[in-house]
Amino acid sequence: EIRYLVFGIHEKIIPIEYGLLEVRSAFGGAGLYKLNSTYGCQYNGATCEHVAFHLCIREKNQGRIFINSEFRLN
Protein backbone atom coordinates (compact mmCIF):
# COMPACT_ATOMS: atom_id res chain seq x y z
CA GLU A 1 0.00 0.00 0.00
CA ILE A 2 1.36 3.43 -0.98
CA ARG A 3 1.14 5.87 1.91
CA TYR A 4 3.26 8.82 0.75
CA LEU A 5 3.84 10.90 -2.37
CA VAL A 6 7.38 12.09 -3.11
CA PHE A 7 7.62 15.14 -5.33
CA GLY A 8 9.75 18.08 -6.35
CA ILE A 9 13.38 18.94 -6.57
CA HIS A 10 13.63 18.71 -2.80
CA GLU A 11 12.15 15.19 -2.60
CA LYS A 12 9.49 16.17 -0.07
CA ILE A 13 7.37 13.34 1.30
CA ILE A 14 3.68 14.23 1.42
CA PRO A 15 1.12 11.93 3.04
CA ILE A 16 -1.46 10.63 0.54
CA GLU A 17 -4.25 11.91 2.81
CA TYR A 18 -3.30 15.59 2.20
CA GLY A 19 -5.50 15.79 -0.91
CA LEU A 20 -5.01 18.91 -3.07
CA LEU A 21 -1.90 21.04 -2.46
CA GLU A 22 -1.63 24.39 -4.27
CA VAL A 23 1.83 24.96 -5.80
CA ARG A 24 3.47 27.43 -8.19
CA SER A 25 4.51 24.68 -10.59
CA ALA A 26 4.86 20.91 -10.60
CA PHE A 27 5.10 17.96 -12.91
CA GLY A 28 5.44 14.26 -12.27
CA GLY A 29 4.34 12.44 -15.39
CA ALA A 30 0.78 13.68 -15.86
CA GLY A 31 -0.95 17.03 -15.98
CA LEU A 32 -4.63 17.89 -16.27
CA TYR A 33 -5.51 21.45 -17.28
CA LYS A 34 -8.75 23.38 -17.67
CA LEU A 35 -8.67 24.49 -21.30
CA ASN A 36 -9.62 28.11 -20.56
CA SER A 37 -6.63 28.36 -18.18
CA THR A 38 -4.22 27.65 -21.04
CA TYR A 39 -5.35 30.33 -23.55
CA GLY A 40 -2.34 32.26 -24.83
CA CYS A 41 0.15 30.00 -23.01
CA GLN A 42 2.82 27.87 -24.68
CA TYR A 43 4.71 24.87 -23.38
CA ASN A 44 8.29 26.18 -23.64
CA GLY A 45 11.08 27.68 -21.58
CA ALA A 46 14.79 27.50 -20.88
CA THR A 47 14.55 26.07 -17.35
CA CYS A 48 11.85 23.44 -17.73
CA GLU A 49 9.07 23.85 -20.24
CA HIS A 50 6.31 23.37 -17.67
CA VAL A 51 7.64 26.19 -15.43
CA ALA A 52 6.98 28.91 -18.04
CA PHE A 53 3.66 27.29 -18.98
CA HIS A 54 2.46 27.24 -15.36
CA LEU A 55 3.62 30.84 -14.83
CA CYS A 56 1.51 31.91 -17.82
CA ILE A 57 -1.51 29.98 -16.52
CA ARG A 58 -1.22 31.74 -13.15
CA GLU A 59 -0.40 35.27 -14.34
CA LYS A 60 -2.29 35.63 -17.62
CA ASN A 61 -5.39 33.55 -16.85
CA GLN A 62 -5.50 33.64 -13.03
CA GLY A 63 -5.31 29.84 -13.02
CA ARG A 64 -4.21 27.77 -10.06
CA ILE A 65 -1.87 24.75 -10.00
CA PHE A 66 -2.40 21.84 -7.61
CA ILE A 67 -0.78 18.53 -6.76
CA ASN A 68 -3.31 15.84 -5.90
CA SER A 69 -1.55 13.68 -3.31
CA GLU A 70 -4.03 10.85 -3.97
CA PHE A 71 -3.21 10.65 -7.71
CA ARG A 72 -0.71 7.89 -8.50
CA LEU A 73 0.99 6.70 -11.67
CA ASN A 74 1.87 3.03 -11.64
PDB file of N, CA and C in Angstrom:
ATOM      1  N   GLU A   1       0.840  -1.185   0.000  1.00  0.00           N
ATOM      2  CA  GLU A   1       0.000   0.000   0.000  1.00  0.00           C
ATOM      3  C   GLU A   1       0.884   1.245   0.000  1.00  0.00           C
ATOM      4  N   ILE A   2       0.620   2.167  -0.910  1.00  0.00           N
ATOM      5  CA  ILE A   2       1.359   3.427  -0.982  1.00  0.00           C
ATOM      6  C   ILE A   2       0.771   4.392   0.040  1.00  0.00           C
ATOM      7  N   ARG A   3       1.637   4.961   0.884  1.00  0.00           N
ATOM      8  CA  ARG A   3       1.144   5.871   1.914  1.00  0.00           C
ATOM      9  C   ARG A   3       1.668   7.289   1.753  1.00  0.00           C
ATOM     10  N   TYR A   4       2.670   7.500   0.904  1.00  0.00           N
ATOM     11  CA  TYR A   4       3.258   8.821   0.746  1.00  0.00           C
ATOM     12  C   TYR A   4       3.483   9.129  -0.723  1.00  0.00           C
ATOM     13  N   LEU A   5       3.519  10.417  -1.036  1.00  0.00           N
ATOM     14  CA  LEU A   5       3.836  10.900  -2.371  1.00  0.00           C
ATOM     15  C   LEU A   5       5.137  11.673  -2.262  1.00  0.00           C
ATOM     16  N   VAL A   6       6.116  11.359  -3.088  1.00  0.00           N
ATOM     17  CA  VAL A   6       7.377  12.088  -3.106  1.00  0.00           C
ATOM     18  C   VAL A   6       7.370  12.958  -4.348  1.00  0.00           C
ATOM     19  N   PHE A   7       7.661  14.262  -4.176  1.00  0.00           N
ATOM     20  CA  PHE A   7       7.617  15.145  -5.329  1.00  0.00           C
ATOM     21  C   PHE A   7       8.637  16.257  -5.196  1.00  0.00           C
ATOM     22  N   GLY A   8       8.951  16.869  -6.320  1.00  0.00           N
ATOM     23  CA  GLY A   8       9.748  18.081  -6.346  1.00  0.00           C
ATOM     24  C   GLY A   8      11.239  17.851  -6.324  1.00  0.00           C
ATOM     25  N   ILE A   9      11.928  18.942  -6.565  1.00  0.00           N
ATOM     26  CA  ILE A   9      13.382  18.936  -6.574  1.00  0.00           C
ATOM     27  C   ILE A   9      13.913  18.553  -5.195  1.00  0.00           C
ATOM     28  N   HIS A  10      13.173  18.918  -4.169  1.00  0.00           N
ATOM     29  CA  HIS A  10      13.631  18.706  -2.805  1.00  0.00           C
ATOM     30  C   HIS A  10      13.184  17.372  -2.219  1.00  0.00           C
ATOM     31  N   GLU A  11      12.543  16.526  -3.038  1.00  0.00           N
ATOM     32  CA  GLU A  11      12.147  15.187  -2.601  1.00  0.00           C
ATOM     33  C   GLU A  11      11.330  15.216  -1.309  1.00  0.00           C
ATOM     34  N   LYS A  12      10.338  16.082  -1.258  1.00  0.00           N
ATOM     35  CA  LYS A  12       9.491  16.166  -0.067  1.00  0.00           C
ATOM     36  C   LYS A  12       8.506  15.004  -0.041  1.00  0.00           C
ATOM     37  N   ILE A  13       8.321  14.439   1.125  1.00  0.00           N
ATOM     38  CA  ILE A  13       7.374  13.341   1.299  1.00  0.00           C
ATOM     39  C   ILE A  13       6.069  13.927   1.823  1.00  0.00           C
ATOM     40  N   ILE A  14       4.996  13.701   1.082  1.00  0.00           N
ATOM     41  CA  ILE A  14       3.683  14.228   1.425  1.00  0.00           C
ATOM     42  C   ILE A  14       2.741  13.052   1.656  1.00  0.00           C
ATOM     43  N   PRO A  15       2.091  13.005   2.803  1.00  0.00           N
ATOM     44  CA  PRO A  15       1.121  11.925   3.038  1.00  0.00           C
ATOM     45  C   PRO A  15       0.004  11.942   1.997  1.00  0.00           C
ATOM     46  N   ILE A  16      -0.396  10.779   1.540  1.00  0.00           N
ATOM     47  CA  ILE A  16      -1.455  10.628   0.544  1.00  0.00           C
ATOM     48  C   ILE A  16      -2.729  11.339   0.991  1.00  0.00           C
ATOM     49  N   GLU A  17      -3.004  11.348   2.276  1.00  0.00           N
ATOM     50  CA  GLU A  17      -4.246  11.909   2.810  1.00  0.00           C
ATOM     51  C   GLU A  17      -4.347  13.427   2.682  1.00  0.00           C
ATOM     52  N   TYR A  18      -3.279  14.126   2.266  1.00  0.00           N
ATOM     53  CA  TYR A  18      -3.299  15.593   2.198  1.00  0.00           C
ATOM     54  C   TYR A  18      -4.229  16.129   1.113  1.00  0.00           C
ATOM     55  N   GLY A  19      -4.585  15.327   0.140  1.00  0.00           N
ATOM     56  CA  GLY A  19      -5.498  15.793  -0.910  1.00  0.00           C
ATOM     57  C   GLY A  19      -4.841  16.795  -1.843  1.00  0.00           C
ATOM     58  N   LEU A  20      -5.526  17.908  -2.141  1.00  0.00           N
ATOM     59  CA  LEU A  20      -5.014  18.911  -3.071  1.00  0.00           C
ATOM     60  C   LEU A  20      -4.070  19.886  -2.370  1.00  0.00           C
ATOM     61  N   LEU A  21      -2.893  20.101  -2.975  1.00  0.00           N
ATOM     62  CA  LEU A  21      -1.902  21.041  -2.460  1.00  0.00           C
ATOM     63  C   LEU A  21      -1.627  22.076  -3.541  1.00  0.00           C
ATOM     64  N   GLU A  22      -1.887  23.348  -3.272  1.00  0.00           N
ATOM     65  CA  GLU A  22      -1.630  24.385  -4.273  1.00  0.00           C
ATOM     66  C   GLU A  22      -0.130  24.667  -4.335  1.00  0.00           C
ATOM     67  N   VAL A  23       0.402  24.727  -5.562  1.00  0.00           N
ATOM     68  CA  VAL A  23       1.829  24.959  -5.795  1.00  0.00           C
ATOM     69  C   VAL A  23       1.995  25.974  -6.920  1.00  0.00           C
ATOM     70  N   ARG A  24       3.201  26.514  -7.074  1.00  0.00           N
ATOM     71  CA  ARG A  24       3.469  27.432  -8.187  1.00  0.00           C
ATOM     72  C   ARG A  24       3.655  26.670  -9.486  1.00  0.00           C
ATOM     73  N   SER A  25       4.281  25.506  -9.412  1.00  0.00           N
ATOM     74  CA  SER A  25       4.511  24.676 -10.588  1.00  0.00           C
ATOM     75  C   SER A  25       4.862  23.273 -10.116  1.00  0.00           C
ATOM     76  N   ALA A  26       4.529  22.293 -10.934  1.00  0.00           N
ATOM     77  CA  ALA A  26       4.856  20.908 -10.597  1.00  0.00           C
ATOM     78  C   ALA A  26       4.644  20.048 -11.831  1.00  0.00           C
ATOM     79  N   PHE A  27       5.343  18.937 -11.868  1.00  0.00           N
ATOM     80  CA  PHE A  27       5.099  17.956 -12.913  1.00  0.00           C
ATOM     81  C   PHE A  27       5.692  16.633 -12.474  1.00  0.00           C
ATOM     82  N   GLY A  28       4.946  15.569 -12.676  1.00  0.00           N
ATOM     83  CA  GLY A  28       5.441  14.263 -12.269  1.00  0.00           C
ATOM     84  C   GLY A  28       4.974  13.161 -13.182  1.00  0.00           C
ATOM     85  N   GLY A  29       4.748  13.472 -14.448  1.00  0.00           N
ATOM     86  CA  GLY A  29       4.344  12.445 -15.387  1.00  0.00           C
ATOM     87  C   GLY A  29       2.970  12.615 -15.968  1.00  0.00           C
ATOM     88  N   ALA A  30       2.127  13.440 -15.343  1.00  0.00           N
ATOM     89  CA  ALA A  30       0.778  13.675 -15.865  1.00  0.00           C
ATOM     90  C   ALA A  30       0.312  15.053 -15.422  1.00  0.00           C
ATOM     91  N   GLY A  31      -0.378  15.731 -16.307  1.00  0.00           N
ATOM     92  CA  GLY A  31      -0.947  17.032 -15.976  1.00  0.00           C
ATOM     93  C   GLY A  31      -2.331  17.155 -16.571  1.00  0.00           C
ATOM     94  N   LEU A  32      -3.268  17.645 -15.802  1.00  0.00           N
ATOM     95  CA  LEU A  32      -4.630  17.895 -16.269  1.00  0.00           C
ATOM     96  C   LEU A  32      -4.869  19.392 -16.157  1.00  0.00           C
ATOM     97  N   TYR A  33      -5.318  20.009 -17.247  1.00  0.00           N
ATOM     98  CA  TYR A  33      -5.511  21.454 -17.276  1.00  0.00           C
ATOM     99  C   TYR A  33      -6.913  21.797 -17.735  1.00  0.00           C
ATOM    100  N   LYS A  34      -7.512  22.831 -17.135  1.00  0.00           N
ATOM    101  CA  LYS A  34      -8.751  23.382 -17.666  1.00  0.00           C
ATOM    102  C   LYS A  34      -8.363  24.157 -18.916  1.00  0.00           C
ATOM    103  N   LEU A  35      -9.034  23.892 -20.018  1.00  0.00           N
ATOM    104  CA  LEU A  35      -8.671  24.490 -21.296  1.00  0.00           C
ATOM    105  C   LEU A  35      -8.631  26.011 -21.233  1.00  0.00           C
ATOM    106  N   ASN A  36      -9.607  26.643 -20.589  1.00  0.00           N
ATOM    107  CA  ASN A  36      -9.622  28.105 -20.559  1.00  0.00           C
ATOM    108  C   ASN A  36      -8.470  28.683 -19.747  1.00  0.00           C
ATOM    109  N   SER A  37      -7.801  27.890 -18.920  1.00  0.00           N
ATOM    110  CA  SER A  37      -6.630  28.359 -18.180  1.00  0.00           C
ATOM    111  C   SER A  37      -5.387  28.414 -19.051  1.00  0.00           C
ATOM    112  N   THR A  38      -5.416  27.749 -20.198  1.00  0.00           N
ATOM    113  CA  THR A  38      -4.221  27.650 -21.041  1.00  0.00           C
ATOM    114  C   THR A  38      -4.214  28.622 -22.217  1.00  0.00           C
ATOM    115  N   TYR A  39      -5.279  29.407 -22.405  1.00  0.00           N
ATOM    116  CA  TYR A  39      -5.347  30.331 -23.546  1.00  0.00           C
ATOM    117  C   TYR A  39      -4.164  31.290 -23.549  1.00  0.00           C
ATOM    118  N   GLY A  40      -3.469  31.358 -24.666  1.00  0.00           N
ATOM    119  CA  GLY A  40      -2.339  32.257 -24.825  1.00  0.00           C
ATOM    120  C   GLY A  40      -1.054  31.757 -24.198  1.00  0.00           C
ATOM    121  N   CYS A  41      -1.043  30.556 -23.660  1.00  0.00           N
ATOM    122  CA  CYS A  41       0.148  30.000 -23.009  1.00  0.00           C
ATOM    123  C   CYS A  41       0.769  28.933 -23.906  1.00  0.00           C
ATOM    124  N   GLN A  42       2.108  28.871 -23.883  1.00  0.00           N
ATOM    125  CA  GLN A  42       2.824  27.874 -24.676  1.00  0.00           C
ATOM    126  C   GLN A  42       3.707  27.043 -23.765  1.00  0.00           C
ATOM    127  N   TYR A  43       3.877  25.801 -24.134  1.00  0.00           N
ATOM    128  CA  TYR A  43       4.712  24.873 -23.380  1.00  0.00           C
ATOM    129  C   TYR A  43       6.142  25.029 -23.875  1.00  0.00           C
ATOM    130  N   ASN A  44       6.897  25.963 -23.265  1.00  0.00           N
ATOM    131  CA  ASN A  44       8.293  26.184 -23.644  1.00  0.00           C
ATOM    132  C   ASN A  44       9.026  26.840 -22.483  1.00  0.00           C
ATOM    133  N   GLY A  45      10.308  27.012 -22.617  1.00  0.00           N
ATOM    134  CA  GLY A  45      11.083  27.680 -21.580  1.00  0.00           C
ATOM    135  C   GLY A  45      12.473  27.104 -21.473  1.00  0.00           C
ATOM    136  N   ALA A  46      13.399  27.922 -20.986  1.00  0.00           N
ATOM    137  CA  ALA A  46      14.790  27.503 -20.882  1.00  0.00           C
ATOM    138  C   ALA A  46      15.024  26.605 -19.664  1.00  0.00           C
ATOM    139  N   THR A  47      14.336  26.862 -18.562  1.00  0.00           N
ATOM    140  CA  THR A  47      14.545  26.073 -17.345  1.00  0.00           C
ATOM    141  C   THR A  47      13.930  24.699 -17.525  1.00  0.00           C
ATOM    142  N   CYS A  48      12.657  24.621 -17.458  1.00  0.00           N
ATOM    143  CA  CYS A  48      11.849  23.435 -17.731  1.00  0.00           C
ATOM    144  C   CYS A  48      10.593  23.950 -18.391  1.00  0.00           C
ATOM    145  N   GLU A  49      10.184  23.315 -19.461  1.00  0.00           N
ATOM    146  CA  GLU A  49       9.067  23.845 -20.245  1.00  0.00           C
ATOM    147  C   GLU A  49       7.799  24.054 -19.433  1.00  0.00           C
ATOM    148  N   HIS A  50       7.541  23.212 -18.448  1.00  0.00           N
ATOM    149  CA  HIS A  50       6.310  23.369 -17.671  1.00  0.00           C
ATOM    150  C   HIS A  50       6.350  24.568 -16.730  1.00  0.00           C
ATOM    151  N   VAL A  51       7.536  25.045 -16.340  1.00  0.00           N
ATOM    152  CA  VAL A  51       7.636  26.188 -15.426  1.00  0.00           C
ATOM    153  C   VAL A  51       7.079  27.446 -16.084  1.00  0.00           C
ATOM    154  N   ALA A  52       7.498  27.742 -17.317  1.00  0.00           N
ATOM    155  CA  ALA A  52       6.984  28.912 -18.036  1.00  0.00           C
ATOM    156  C   ALA A  52       5.498  28.759 -18.346  1.00  0.00           C
ATOM    157  N   PHE A  53       5.071  27.559 -18.686  1.00  0.00           N
ATOM    158  CA  PHE A  53       3.663  27.287 -18.978  1.00  0.00           C
ATOM    159  C   PHE A  53       2.798  27.543 -17.745  1.00  0.00           C
ATOM    160  N   HIS A  54       3.222  27.053 -16.598  1.00  0.00           N
ATOM    161  CA  HIS A  54       2.465  27.242 -15.364  1.00  0.00           C
ATOM    162  C   HIS A  54       2.466  28.702 -14.921  1.00  0.00           C
ATOM    163  N   LEU A  55       3.567  29.412 -15.136  1.00  0.00           N
ATOM    164  CA  LEU A  55       3.622  30.844 -14.830  1.00  0.00           C
ATOM    165  C   LEU A  55       2.590  31.599 -15.660  1.00  0.00           C
ATOM    166  N   CYS A  56       2.495  31.277 -16.940  1.00  0.00           N
ATOM    167  CA  CYS A  56       1.511  31.909 -17.820  1.00  0.00           C
ATOM    168  C   CYS A  56       0.092  31.600 -17.350  1.00  0.00           C
ATOM    169  N   ILE A  57      -0.171  30.362 -17.008  1.00  0.00           N
ATOM    170  CA  ILE A  57      -1.505  29.980 -16.520  1.00  0.00           C
ATOM    171  C   ILE A  57      -1.878  30.818 -15.304  1.00  0.00           C
ATOM    172  N   ARG A  58      -0.938  30.987 -14.380  1.00  0.00           N
ATOM    173  CA  ARG A  58      -1.223  31.736 -13.154  1.00  0.00           C
ATOM    174  C   ARG A  58      -1.359  33.231 -13.413  1.00  0.00           C
ATOM    175  N   GLU A  59      -0.425  33.814 -14.183  1.00  0.00           N
ATOM    176  CA  GLU A  59      -0.396  35.268 -14.342  1.00  0.00           C
ATOM    177  C   GLU A  59      -1.365  35.785 -15.398  1.00  0.00           C
ATOM    178  N   LYS A  60      -1.457  35.127 -16.530  1.00  0.00           N
ATOM    179  CA  LYS A  60      -2.293  35.625 -17.623  1.00  0.00           C
ATOM    180  C   LYS A  60      -3.760  35.242 -17.453  1.00  0.00           C
ATOM    181  N   ASN A  61      -4.020  34.062 -16.923  1.00  0.00           N
ATOM    182  CA  ASN A  61      -5.389  33.547 -16.853  1.00  0.00           C
ATOM    183  C   ASN A  61      -5.887  33.323 -15.426  1.00  0.00           C
ATOM    184  N   GLN A  62      -5.125  33.786 -14.433  1.00  0.00           N
ATOM    185  CA  GLN A  62      -5.497  33.641 -13.027  1.00  0.00           C
ATOM    186  C   GLN A  62      -5.815  32.185 -12.657  1.00  0.00           C
ATOM    187  N   GLY A  63      -5.127  31.259 -13.325  1.00  0.00           N
ATOM    188  CA  GLY A  63      -5.305  29.840 -13.023  1.00  0.00           C
ATOM    189  C   GLY A  63      -4.559  29.451 -11.759  1.00  0.00           C
ATOM    190  N   ARG A  64      -4.862  28.298 -11.251  1.00  0.00           N
ATOM    191  CA  ARG A  64      -4.207  27.772 -10.056  1.00  0.00           C
ATOM    192  C   ARG A  64      -3.673  26.377 -10.373  1.00  0.00           C
ATOM    193  N   ILE A  65      -2.537  26.032  -9.771  1.00  0.00           N
ATOM    194  CA  ILE A  65      -1.870  24.752  -9.997  1.00  0.00           C
ATOM    195  C   ILE A  65      -1.917  23.958  -8.686  1.00  0.00           C
ATOM    196  N   PHE A  66      -2.309  22.695  -8.789  1.00  0.00           N
ATOM    197  CA  PHE A  66      -2.403  21.843  -7.608  1.00  0.00           C
ATOM    198  C   PHE A  66      -1.703  20.514  -7.857  1.00  0.00           C
ATOM    199  N   ILE A  67      -1.207  19.923  -6.786  1.00  0.00           N
ATOM    200  CA  ILE A  67      -0.782  18.528  -6.764  1.00  0.00           C
ATOM    201  C   ILE A  67      -1.880  17.786  -6.020  1.00  0.00           C
ATOM    202  N   ASN A  68      -2.336  16.691  -6.582  1.00  0.00           N
ATOM    203  CA  ASN A  68      -3.308  15.841  -5.896  1.00  0.00           C
ATOM    204  C   ASN A  68      -2.528  14.683  -5.285  1.00  0.00           C
ATOM    205  N   SER A  69      -2.376  14.696  -3.978  1.00  0.00           N
ATOM    206  CA  SER A  69      -1.547  13.681  -3.314  1.00  0.00           C
ATOM    207  C   SER A  69      -2.139  12.273  -3.422  1.00  0.00           C
ATOM    208  N   GLU A  70      -3.400  12.164  -3.825  1.00  0.00           N
ATOM    209  CA  GLU A  70      -4.025  10.848  -3.972  1.00  0.00           C
ATOM    210  C   GLU A  70      -3.864  10.278  -5.380  1.00  0.00           C
ATOM    211  N   PHE A  71      -3.386  11.087  -6.326  1.00  0.00           N
ATOM    212  CA  PHE A  71      -3.214  10.650  -7.707  1.00  0.00           C
ATOM    213  C   PHE A  71      -1.895   9.908  -7.824  1.00  0.00           C
ATOM    214  N   ARG A  72      -1.923   8.698  -8.373  1.00  0.00           N
ATOM    215  CA  ARG A  72      -0.711   7.890  -8.496  1.00  0.00           C
ATOM    216  C   ARG A  72      -0.571   7.351  -9.912  1.00  0.00           C
ATOM    217  N   LEU A  73       0.658   7.344 -10.399  1.00  0.00           N
ATOM    218  CA  LEU A  73       0.992   6.702 -11.672  1.00  0.00           C
ATOM    219  C   LEU A  73       1.703   5.401 -11.340  1.00  0.00           C
ATOM    220  N   ASN A  74       1.232   4.329 -11.889  1.00  0.00           N
ATOM    221  CA  ASN A  74       1.871   3.026 -11.636  1.00  0.00           C
ATOM    222  C   ASN A  74       2.564   2.541 -12.878  1.00  0.00           C
TER     223      ASN A  74
END
